[in-house]
């Protein structure tokens, strides 16, 4: 995916979408259910988020990096 081609707003929307999917997965896991999006278990999600973060950093955008480590 060519992350350079996206607008700042598009990058932010994709990033918030990934963060939302991760939060949903973590909550389902906490409740004893199966993660719906499998963000932590899917390498493509991790790569996608890393690429988004790299492009957002390159542009000087403000964001909170996603914490991948989970204390369970």
N, C-alpha and C. Protein backbone atom coordinates (compact mmCIF):
# COMPACT_ATOMS: atom_id res chain seq x y z
N UNK A 1 0.85 -1.16 0.00
CA UNK A 1 0.00 0.00 0.00
C UNK A 1 0.90 1.23 0.00
N UNK A 2 0.56 2.21 -0.79
CA UNK A 2 1.35 3.44 -0.88
C UNK A 2 0.84 4.46 0.14
N UNK A 3 1.40 4.43 1.33
CA UNK A 3 0.95 5.30 2.41
C UNK A 3 1.24 6.77 2.12
N UNK A 4 2.23 7.04 1.28
CA UNK A 4 2.57 8.42 0.90
C UNK A 4 1.43 9.08 0.15
N UNK A 5 0.61 8.29 -0.53
CA UNK A 5 -0.45 8.84 -1.37
C UNK A 5 -1.67 9.30 -0.56
N UNK A 6 -1.78 8.88 0.69
CA UNK A 6 -2.96 9.20 1.49
C UNK A 6 -2.83 10.57 2.15
N UNK A 7 -3.97 11.20 2.38
CA UNK A 7 -3.99 12.47 3.10
C UNK A 7 -3.76 12.19 4.59
N UNK A 8 -3.43 13.24 5.33
CA UNK A 8 -3.26 13.11 6.77
C UNK A 8 -4.54 12.58 7.42
N UNK A 9 -5.68 13.09 6.98
CA UNK A 9 -6.95 12.64 7.55
C UNK A 9 -7.19 11.17 7.28
N UNK A 10 -6.82 10.70 6.10
CA UNK A 10 -7.00 9.29 5.76
C UNK A 10 -6.09 8.42 6.62
N UNK A 11 -4.84 8.83 6.78
CA UNK A 11 -3.92 8.08 7.65
C UNK A 11 -4.47 8.00 9.06
N UNK A 12 -4.95 9.13 9.58
CA UNK A 12 -5.50 9.15 10.94
C UNK A 12 -6.71 8.23 11.05
N UNK A 13 -7.58 8.25 10.07
CA UNK A 13 -8.78 7.41 10.10
C UNK A 13 -8.40 5.93 10.09
N UNK A 14 -7.44 5.56 9.25
CA UNK A 14 -7.00 4.16 9.22
C UNK A 14 -6.36 3.77 10.55
N UNK A 15 -5.59 4.69 11.12
CA UNK A 15 -4.93 4.41 12.40
C UNK A 15 -5.95 4.24 13.52
N UNK A 16 -6.94 5.14 13.57
CA UNK A 16 -7.97 5.02 14.60
C UNK A 16 -8.81 3.76 14.39
N UNK A 17 -9.00 3.35 13.15
CA UNK A 17 -9.70 2.11 12.87
C UNK A 17 -8.94 0.91 13.40
N UNK A 18 -7.64 0.89 13.18
CA UNK A 18 -6.80 -0.20 13.68
C UNK A 18 -6.81 -0.21 15.21
N UNK A 19 -6.71 0.96 15.80
CA UNK A 19 -6.73 1.07 17.26
C UNK A 19 -8.08 0.58 17.81
N UNK A 20 -9.15 0.94 17.15
CA UNK A 20 -10.48 0.51 17.58
C UNK A 20 -10.65 -1.00 17.49
N UNK A 21 -10.14 -1.59 16.42
CA UNK A 21 -10.21 -3.05 16.27
C UNK A 21 -9.41 -3.73 17.37
N UNK A 22 -8.27 -3.18 17.71
CA UNK A 22 -7.43 -3.74 18.76
C UNK A 22 -8.13 -3.65 20.12
N UNK A 23 -8.75 -2.52 20.40
CA UNK A 23 -9.47 -2.34 21.66
C UNK A 23 -10.63 -3.33 21.74
N UNK A 24 -11.36 -3.50 20.64
CA UNK A 24 -12.47 -4.46 20.62
C UNK A 24 -11.97 -5.88 20.88
N UNK A 25 -10.89 -6.26 20.22
CA UNK A 25 -10.30 -7.58 20.43
C UNK A 25 -9.90 -7.79 21.89
N UNK A 26 -9.23 -6.79 22.46
CA UNK A 26 -8.78 -6.91 23.84
C UNK A 26 -9.96 -7.03 24.80
N UNK A 27 -11.01 -6.29 24.55
CA UNK A 27 -12.19 -6.36 25.42
C UNK A 27 -12.88 -7.71 25.29
N UNK A 28 -13.02 -8.22 24.07
CA UNK A 28 -13.61 -9.54 23.88
C UNK A 28 -12.77 -10.61 24.58
N UNK A 29 -11.46 -10.49 24.46
CA UNK A 29 -10.56 -11.42 25.13
C UNK A 29 -10.72 -11.34 26.65
N UNK A 30 -10.81 -10.13 27.17
CA UNK A 30 -10.98 -9.93 28.61
C UNK A 30 -12.27 -10.57 29.11
N UNK A 31 -13.30 -10.55 28.27
CA UNK A 31 -14.60 -11.12 28.64
C UNK A 31 -14.68 -12.62 28.37
N UNK A 32 -13.58 -13.19 27.88
CA UNK A 32 -13.54 -14.63 27.63
C UNK A 32 -13.99 -15.04 26.24
N UNK A 33 -14.19 -14.08 25.37
CA UNK A 33 -14.61 -14.39 24.01
C UNK A 33 -13.44 -14.46 23.04
N UNK A 34 -13.75 -14.79 21.82
CA UNK A 34 -12.75 -14.84 20.75
C UNK A 34 -12.58 -13.46 20.14
N UNK A 35 -11.35 -13.03 19.91
CA UNK A 35 -11.12 -11.74 19.25
C UNK A 35 -11.77 -11.74 17.86
N UNK A 36 -12.47 -10.69 17.56
CA UNK A 36 -13.19 -10.58 16.29
C UNK A 36 -12.26 -10.24 15.12
N UNK A 37 -11.31 -9.36 15.35
CA UNK A 37 -10.44 -8.88 14.28
C UNK A 37 -9.06 -9.55 14.27
N UNK A 38 -8.66 -10.12 15.38
CA UNK A 38 -7.39 -10.83 15.53
C UNK A 38 -6.18 -9.94 15.19
N UNK A 39 -6.25 -8.71 15.68
CA UNK A 39 -5.20 -7.73 15.39
C UNK A 39 -3.86 -8.18 15.93
N UNK A 40 -3.81 -8.63 17.17
CA UNK A 40 -2.54 -9.04 17.78
C UNK A 40 -2.00 -10.31 17.15
N UNK A 41 -2.86 -11.15 16.61
CA UNK A 41 -2.45 -12.45 16.09
C UNK A 41 -2.11 -12.44 14.60
N UNK A 42 -2.37 -11.33 13.93
CA UNK A 42 -2.21 -11.27 12.48
C UNK A 42 -1.05 -10.34 12.11
N UNK A 43 -0.03 -10.90 11.51
CA UNK A 43 1.17 -10.12 11.16
C UNK A 43 0.84 -8.96 10.23
N UNK A 44 -0.12 -9.12 9.35
CA UNK A 44 -0.47 -8.03 8.42
C UNK A 44 -1.02 -6.81 9.15
N UNK A 45 -1.75 -7.02 10.22
CA UNK A 45 -2.22 -5.89 11.03
C UNK A 45 -1.03 -5.15 11.62
N UNK A 46 -0.10 -5.89 12.20
CA UNK A 46 1.08 -5.28 12.82
C UNK A 46 1.88 -4.48 11.80
N UNK A 47 2.04 -5.06 10.63
CA UNK A 47 2.78 -4.38 9.56
C UNK A 47 2.04 -3.12 9.09
N UNK A 48 0.74 -3.22 8.96
CA UNK A 48 -0.08 -2.09 8.54
C UNK A 48 0.05 -0.93 9.53
N UNK A 49 -0.07 -1.25 10.82
CA UNK A 49 0.05 -0.22 11.84
C UNK A 49 1.45 0.39 11.84
N UNK A 50 2.48 -0.43 11.71
CA UNK A 50 3.85 0.08 11.67
C UNK A 50 4.05 1.02 10.48
N UNK A 51 3.49 0.68 9.34
CA UNK A 51 3.60 1.54 8.16
C UNK A 51 2.83 2.85 8.35
N UNK A 52 1.67 2.77 8.97
CA UNK A 52 0.91 3.99 9.26
C UNK A 52 1.70 4.88 10.21
N UNK A 53 2.23 4.29 11.28
CA UNK A 53 3.00 5.07 12.25
C UNK A 53 4.23 5.70 11.61
N UNK A 54 4.92 4.97 10.77
CA UNK A 54 6.12 5.50 10.11
C UNK A 54 5.77 6.70 9.23
N UNK A 55 4.69 6.59 8.48
CA UNK A 55 4.28 7.70 7.61
C UNK A 55 3.80 8.89 8.43
N UNK A 56 3.07 8.62 9.50
CA UNK A 56 2.59 9.70 10.35
C UNK A 56 3.77 10.41 11.04
N UNK A 57 4.76 9.66 11.47
CA UNK A 57 5.96 10.27 12.05
C UNK A 57 6.70 11.10 11.01
N UNK A 58 6.83 10.56 9.81
CA UNK A 58 7.52 11.27 8.73
C UNK A 58 6.87 12.63 8.46
N UNK A 59 5.54 12.67 8.59
CA UNK A 59 4.80 13.92 8.34
C UNK A 59 4.71 14.81 9.57
N UNK A 60 5.19 14.33 10.70
CA UNK A 60 5.12 15.12 11.92
C UNK A 60 3.73 15.16 12.54
N UNK A 61 2.92 14.16 12.24
CA UNK A 61 1.57 14.10 12.80
C UNK A 61 1.63 13.66 14.26
N UNK A 62 0.70 14.18 15.05
CA UNK A 62 0.57 13.82 16.45
C UNK A 62 -0.30 12.57 16.60
N UNK A 63 0.18 11.58 17.33
CA UNK A 63 -0.61 10.39 17.61
C UNK A 63 0.01 9.65 18.79
N UNK A 64 -0.80 8.81 19.41
CA UNK A 64 -0.31 7.95 20.49
C UNK A 64 0.02 6.60 19.90
N UNK A 65 1.29 6.18 19.97
CA UNK A 65 1.66 4.87 19.42
C UNK A 65 0.89 3.74 20.10
N UNK A 66 0.58 2.73 19.35
CA UNK A 66 -0.13 1.57 19.87
C UNK A 66 0.83 0.72 20.69
N UNK A 67 0.41 0.35 21.88
CA UNK A 67 1.17 -0.56 22.74
C UNK A 67 0.81 -1.98 22.36
N UNK A 68 1.77 -2.74 21.91
CA UNK A 68 1.50 -4.12 21.49
C UNK A 68 1.65 -5.10 22.64
N UNK A 69 2.40 -4.75 23.65
CA UNK A 69 2.61 -5.63 24.79
C UNK A 69 1.38 -5.60 25.68
N UNK A 70 0.96 -6.76 26.14
CA UNK A 70 -0.19 -6.86 27.01
C UNK A 70 0.21 -7.63 28.26
N UNK A 71 -0.10 -7.06 29.40
CA UNK A 71 0.12 -7.76 30.67
C UNK A 71 -1.17 -8.50 31.02
N UNK A 72 -1.07 -9.83 30.96
CA UNK A 72 -2.27 -10.63 31.26
C UNK A 72 -2.04 -11.48 32.46
